[in-house]
Amino acid sequence: MDRKPPESLRLFYALWPDQATRAALGVLQAELQGRKTLHGNLHVTLAFLGLQPAERLPSLRQILATLPSMEMTLVIDRIGYFPRHRIAWAGLNEIPENLSLLQRSLSEALVQNEFTFDRQPRFKPHITLARDAAVPPQRPFEAIHWRVDHLALVQSSTEAEGVGYRVLASRRLNAAG
C-alpha cells in the first residue's frame, strides 16, 4: 500500500501591518522600479520556517500564543537595497529592544520545539517593497511610525498571479489590544 507523504506548507512568522502603515509604505513604493510587493503582502519576517509538515501546525499555533505580549512601535526611516537579490526594502535605523526580544523568544521556542528554520546570524528586520528592483533613490522621507499590534503565522504559496500569503493564525501583540 502506497502511503502519501504528509502535506507540507511553506511558513513564516511575521509582524503584520495595519492599513495605515500599508498605505504609507505604498507611498514609498511608488518611486521604485521593479516588481512591487502587493500591499496585502507587506510584513516584517521574524522567522522563515520553509516547508513544514501540516501536522505540526498545532505546535506552531501554540508557539504563537505563548510569545510574550509587549508594546512596540517601529520607526521606518530608511530605504535599503540587497544587491545580490535585487530587493528594495524599508527598514529601521534603530531596532527597538522589544523587537529583538520578540525575535529571540520566537527563535528559542522554535529550537525547543525542534523546528528547522532559517536562523540568521544577525536579525535584519525589513519590509520588502520590490523585487527585481533598481537601486532605490536615496532621498529623505517622513518616517513611518508603525504601532505594531499583530503577530501572524503565515503560509506562502505560488499562485498564477505571483506569491500569495495567507494568515493561518494571528494574535494581538500588546496586552491592552
Protein backbone atom coordinates (compact mmCIF):
# COMPACT_ATOMS: atom_id res chain seq x y z
CA MET A 1 0.00 0.00 0.00
CA ASP A 2 1.48 3.33 -1.08
CA ARG A 3 1.38 5.98 1.55
CA LYS A 4 1.04 9.60 0.50
CA PRO A 5 3.75 11.79 2.09
CA PRO A 6 2.42 14.32 4.61
CA GLU A 7 1.35 17.66 3.21
CA SER A 8 3.95 20.38 3.70
CA LEU A 9 3.34 24.10 3.98
CA ARG A 10 5.78 26.95 3.34
CA LEU A 11 5.51 29.05 6.50
CA PHE A 12 6.87 32.08 8.32
CA TYR A 13 6.11 34.23 11.36
CA ALA A 14 5.69 37.94 10.73
CA LEU A 15 4.64 41.29 12.10
CA TRP A 16 1.52 42.17 10.11
CA PRO A 17 0.91 45.89 9.40
CA ASP A 18 -2.35 47.77 9.73
CA GLN A 19 -3.91 49.53 6.73
CA ALA A 20 -2.46 52.96 7.59
CA THR A 21 1.07 51.54 7.69
CA ARG A 22 0.49 49.68 4.42
CA ALA A 23 -0.72 52.92 2.79
CA ALA A 24 2.37 54.82 4.00
CA LEU A 25 4.62 52.04 2.68
CA GLY A 26 2.77 52.26 -0.63
CA VAL A 27 3.88 55.88 -0.95
CA LEU A 28 7.50 54.72 -0.63
CA GLN A 29 6.88 52.00 -3.23
CA ALA A 30 5.56 54.48 -5.78
CA GLU A 31 9.06 55.73 -6.66
CA LEU A 32 10.57 52.27 -7.04
CA GLN A 33 11.28 50.40 -10.23
CA GLY A 34 10.77 46.66 -10.05
CA ARG A 35 8.15 44.07 -9.17
CA LYS A 36 6.36 45.73 -6.27
CA THR A 37 5.17 43.70 -3.30
CA LEU A 38 1.38 43.63 -3.13
CA HIS A 39 0.11 45.85 -0.30
CA GLY A 40 -1.59 42.88 1.35
CA ASN A 41 1.77 41.04 1.45
CA LEU A 42 3.83 43.74 3.20
CA HIS A 43 5.26 42.49 6.50
CA VAL A 44 8.37 42.07 8.66
CA THR A 45 9.53 38.45 8.81
CA LEU A 46 10.56 37.29 12.30
CA ALA A 47 11.38 33.69 11.32
CA PHE A 48 11.20 31.91 7.97
CA LEU A 49 10.34 28.24 8.53
CA GLY A 50 10.32 27.00 4.94
CA LEU A 51 8.46 23.75 4.30
CA GLN A 52 6.89 22.27 7.43
CA PRO A 53 4.62 19.23 7.79
CA ALA A 54 0.97 20.29 8.08
CA GLU A 55 0.51 18.12 11.17
CA ARG A 56 2.89 20.42 13.08
CA LEU A 57 0.57 23.42 12.70
CA PRO A 58 -0.94 22.99 16.20
CA SER A 59 2.56 23.31 17.73
CA LEU A 60 3.30 26.39 15.62
CA ARG A 61 0.00 27.97 16.69
CA GLN A 62 0.85 27.20 20.32
CA ILE A 63 4.23 28.91 19.95
CA LEU A 64 2.46 31.98 18.55
CA ALA A 65 0.06 32.02 21.51
CA THR A 66 2.82 31.78 24.11
CA LEU A 67 5.12 34.53 22.83
CA PRO A 68 5.34 37.50 25.20
CA SER A 69 2.90 40.39 24.86
CA MET A 70 4.52 43.80 24.51
CA GLU A 71 4.11 47.33 23.27
CA MET A 72 6.17 48.16 20.21
CA THR A 73 6.46 51.00 17.72
CA LEU A 74 8.72 50.60 14.70
CA VAL A 75 10.12 53.77 13.17
CA ILE A 76 10.60 53.00 9.49
CA ASP A 77 13.10 55.64 8.50
CA ARG A 78 15.36 54.19 5.83
CA ILE A 79 15.27 52.68 2.38
CA GLY A 80 17.80 50.00 1.53
CA TYR A 81 18.81 47.59 -1.19
CA PHE A 82 20.04 43.99 -1.19
CA PRO A 83 22.03 43.93 -4.47
CA ARG A 84 22.52 40.16 -4.61
CA HIS A 85 18.77 39.53 -4.77
CA ARG A 86 17.86 42.97 -6.21
CA ILE A 87 15.43 43.73 -3.38
CA ALA A 88 14.43 47.27 -2.39
CA TRP A 89 13.29 47.45 1.23
CA ALA A 90 12.20 49.77 4.02
CA GLY A 91 13.72 49.41 7.45
CA LEU A 92 14.81 50.93 10.71
CA ASN A 93 17.96 52.79 11.66
CA GLU A 94 17.44 51.63 15.25
CA ILE A 95 15.96 48.26 16.21
CA PRO A 96 13.79 48.54 19.35
CA GLU A 97 14.79 46.23 22.20
CA ASN A 98 11.26 44.74 22.26
CA LEU A 99 11.60 43.68 18.63
CA SER A 100 14.91 41.94 19.34
CA LEU A 101 13.38 40.31 22.44
CA LEU A 102 10.36 39.05 20.48
CA GLN A 103 12.51 37.63 17.69
CA ARG A 104 14.85 35.90 20.21
CA SER A 105 11.87 34.47 22.12
CA LEU A 106 10.43 33.09 18.90
CA SER A 107 13.76 31.56 17.83
CA GLU A 108 14.21 29.92 21.25
CA ALA A 109 10.67 28.48 21.17
CA LEU A 110 11.25 27.06 17.68
CA VAL A 111 14.52 25.43 18.78
CA GLN A 112 12.91 24.00 21.94
CA ASN A 113 10.14 22.51 19.82
CA GLU A 114 12.67 21.09 17.33
CA PHE A 115 11.60 23.13 14.30
CA THR A 116 14.02 23.80 11.50
CA PHE A 117 14.07 27.40 10.29
CA ASP A 118 16.32 29.94 8.61
CA ARG A 119 18.49 31.08 11.53
CA GLN A 120 20.18 34.31 10.59
CA PRO A 121 23.37 35.21 12.45
CA ARG A 122 22.05 38.74 12.84
CA PHE A 123 18.39 39.77 12.72
CA LYS A 124 17.86 42.41 9.97
CA PRO A 125 14.21 43.48 10.15
CA HIS A 126 12.94 44.94 6.88
CA ILE A 127 9.88 45.18 4.67
CA THR A 128 10.41 44.06 1.08
CA LEU A 129 8.97 46.78 -1.16
CA ALA A 130 10.06 45.46 -4.58
CA ARG A 131 11.92 42.55 -6.16
CA ASP A 132 13.98 42.61 -9.36
CA ALA A 133 14.36 46.25 -8.38
CA ALA A 134 16.67 49.01 -9.46
CA VAL A 135 18.66 50.71 -6.70
CA PRO A 136 16.11 52.93 -4.92
CA PRO A 137 16.56 56.70 -4.84
CA GLN A 138 18.14 57.90 -1.60
CA ARG A 139 16.04 60.82 -0.56
CA PRO A 140 14.70 61.97 2.80
CA PHE A 141 11.16 60.94 3.66
CA GLU A 142 8.90 61.33 6.65
CA ALA A 143 9.43 58.38 8.98
CA ILE A 144 6.56 55.93 9.30
CA HIS A 145 5.63 55.22 12.93
CA TRP A 146 4.06 51.76 12.99
CA ARG A 147 2.48 50.78 16.29
CA VAL A 148 2.78 47.03 15.89
CA ASP A 149 -0.21 45.12 17.14
CA HIS A 150 -0.44 41.89 15.10
CA LEU A 151 1.84 38.89 15.03
CA ALA A 152 0.99 36.19 12.48
CA LEU A 153 1.82 32.68 11.31
CA VAL A 154 1.62 32.90 7.52
CA GLN A 155 1.55 30.41 4.65
CA SER A 156 3.30 31.38 1.42
CA SER A 157 2.25 29.81 -1.86
CA THR A 158 2.98 30.45 -5.51
CA GLU A 159 -0.09 31.46 -7.46
CA ALA A 160 -0.52 32.22 -11.16
CA GLU A 161 -0.51 35.94 -10.33
CA GLY A 162 2.53 35.68 -8.03
CA VAL A 163 3.26 34.84 -4.43
CA GLY A 164 0.22 34.69 -2.18
CA TYR A 165 0.20 34.91 1.61
CA ARG A 166 -2.50 33.51 3.86
CA VAL A 167 -2.59 34.21 7.58
CA LEU A 168 -3.18 30.85 9.31
CA ALA A 169 -3.15 32.24 12.84
CA SER A 170 -2.62 35.64 14.41
CA ARG A 171 -2.83 37.38 17.72
CA ARG A 172 -2.59 40.81 19.20
CA LEU A 173 0.90 41.58 20.36
CA ASN A 174 0.06 44.14 23.02
CA ALA A 175 -1.71 43.03 26.16
CA ALA A 176 -4.09 46.01 26.11
CA GLY A 177 -5.17 45.32 22.50
